[in-house]
Protein backbone atom coordinates (compact mmCIF):
# COMPACT_ATOMS: atom_id res chain seq x y z
CA UNK A 1 144.04 124.60 109.21
CA UNK A 2 142.26 126.72 106.60
CA UNK A 3 142.31 123.78 104.21
CA UNK A 4 140.73 121.56 106.83
CA UNK A 5 137.80 123.95 107.37
CA UNK A 6 137.41 124.50 103.64
CA UNK A 7 137.30 120.74 103.08
CA UNK A 8 134.86 120.31 105.96
CA UNK A 9 132.61 123.07 104.58
CA UNK A 10 132.58 121.45 101.15
CA UNK A 11 131.80 118.06 102.66
CA UNK A 12 128.92 119.44 104.76
CA UNK A 13 127.50 121.28 101.71
CA UNK A 14 127.70 118.14 99.56
CA UNK A 15 126.03 115.94 102.16
CA UNK A 16 123.25 118.43 102.95
CA UNK A 17 122.50 119.03 99.26
CA UNK A 18 121.93 115.30 98.82
CA UNK A 19 118.91 115.61 101.11
CA UNK A 20 117.49 118.79 99.60
CA UNK A 21 114.48 118.49 97.25
CA UNK A 22 114.70 120.16 93.90
CA UNK A 23 112.05 122.79 93.11
CA UNK A 24 108.92 121.30 91.56
CA UNK A 25 109.46 117.86 93.04
CA UNK A 26 106.75 116.32 95.20
CA UNK A 27 104.28 118.99 94.14
CA UNK A 28 101.30 117.12 95.50
CA UNK A 29 102.80 117.00 98.99
CA UNK A 30 103.52 120.71 98.90
CA UNK A 31 100.02 121.47 97.72
CA UNK A 32 98.50 119.47 100.55
CA UNK A 33 99.64 122.38 102.72
CA UNK A 34 98.28 125.11 100.40
CA UNK A 35 94.67 126.27 100.18
CA UNK A 36 93.08 125.18 96.92
CA UNK A 37 89.72 125.66 95.23
CA UNK A 38 87.86 122.34 95.38
CA UNK A 39 85.71 121.03 92.54
CA UNK A 40 83.52 117.95 92.10
CA UNK A 41 82.89 116.97 88.49
CA UNK A 42 83.88 120.45 87.31
CA UNK A 43 81.53 122.25 89.73
CA UNK A 44 83.00 124.45 92.48
CA UNK A 45 82.15 123.27 96.00
CA UNK A 46 82.33 126.79 97.39
CA UNK A 47 85.30 125.81 99.55
CA UNK A 48 88.94 126.86 99.53
CA UNK A 49 90.89 124.80 102.05
CA UNK A 50 94.06 122.87 102.60
CA UNK A 51 93.90 119.15 101.83
CA UNK A 52 93.70 118.19 105.51
CA UNK A 53 90.80 120.59 106.18
CA UNK A 54 88.92 119.69 102.98
CA UNK A 55 89.18 115.91 103.31
CA UNK A 56 86.66 115.51 106.16
CA UNK A 57 84.33 118.06 104.52
CA UNK A 58 84.40 116.04 101.30
CA UNK A 59 82.99 112.96 103.01
CA UNK A 60 85.59 110.85 101.18
CA UNK A 61 88.03 108.56 102.99
CA UNK A 62 91.02 109.70 100.86
CA UNK A 63 91.83 106.14 99.83
CA UNK A 64 91.31 104.35 96.56
CA UNK A 65 91.77 105.37 92.95
CA UNK A 66 88.66 107.43 92.14
CA UNK A 67 88.83 111.20 92.50
CA UNK A 68 86.17 112.48 94.86
CA UNK A 69 87.26 116.14 94.76
CA UNK A 70 89.91 117.92 92.75
CA UNK A 71 91.85 120.91 94.06
CA UNK A 72 93.00 123.71 91.75
CA UNK A 73 94.94 126.90 92.39
CA UNK A 74 93.83 130.35 91.24
CA UNK A 75 95.85 130.08 88.00
CA UNK A 76 93.43 127.39 86.82
CA UNK A 77 90.27 129.44 87.31
CA UNK A 78 88.48 131.33 84.54
CA UNK A 79 87.98 134.20 86.98
CA UNK A 80 90.08 134.07 90.18
CA UNK A 81 87.69 136.52 91.84
CA UNK A 82 84.74 134.16 91.16
CA UNK A 83 85.64 130.44 91.26
CA UNK A 84 82.03 129.49 90.50
CA UNK A 85 82.64 130.58 86.89
CA UNK A 86 84.67 127.39 86.52
CA UNK A 87 88.01 126.25 85.27
CA UNK A 88 90.08 127.30 82.29
CA UNK A 89 90.50 124.82 79.46
CA UNK A 90 93.50 122.65 80.24
CA UNK A 91 93.40 123.35 83.99
CA UNK A 92 95.81 121.16 85.92
CA UNK A 93 94.74 119.38 89.10
CA UNK A 94 97.07 120.38 91.93
CA UNK A 95 95.73 117.91 94.49
CA UNK A 96 92.82 115.50 94.91
CA UNK A 97 90.90 113.58 97.50
CA UNK A 98 90.21 109.94 96.71
CA UNK A 99 87.51 107.37 97.26
CA UNK A 100 87.15 103.70 96.45
């Protein structure tokens, strides 16, 4: 009986791990839930919101291939206490809102 439960436990663990995302995967989806600092053409908008809150404020439909606004986290800012000072060289976009 112990072998049965051990085998069942291993089977359940194997099946559930097949549906678990690895860390770092689908970063853009995860960041859509996080508050980011939003920039347009390198200038801070003065807003720090989640993607879903920022999208209507941006005035962009969030479709198409052109970036309307880019979202960055605090690691990308020259001065995290003052986002208006801009972005560090080599800052990485964490999320973006699109327009056509």
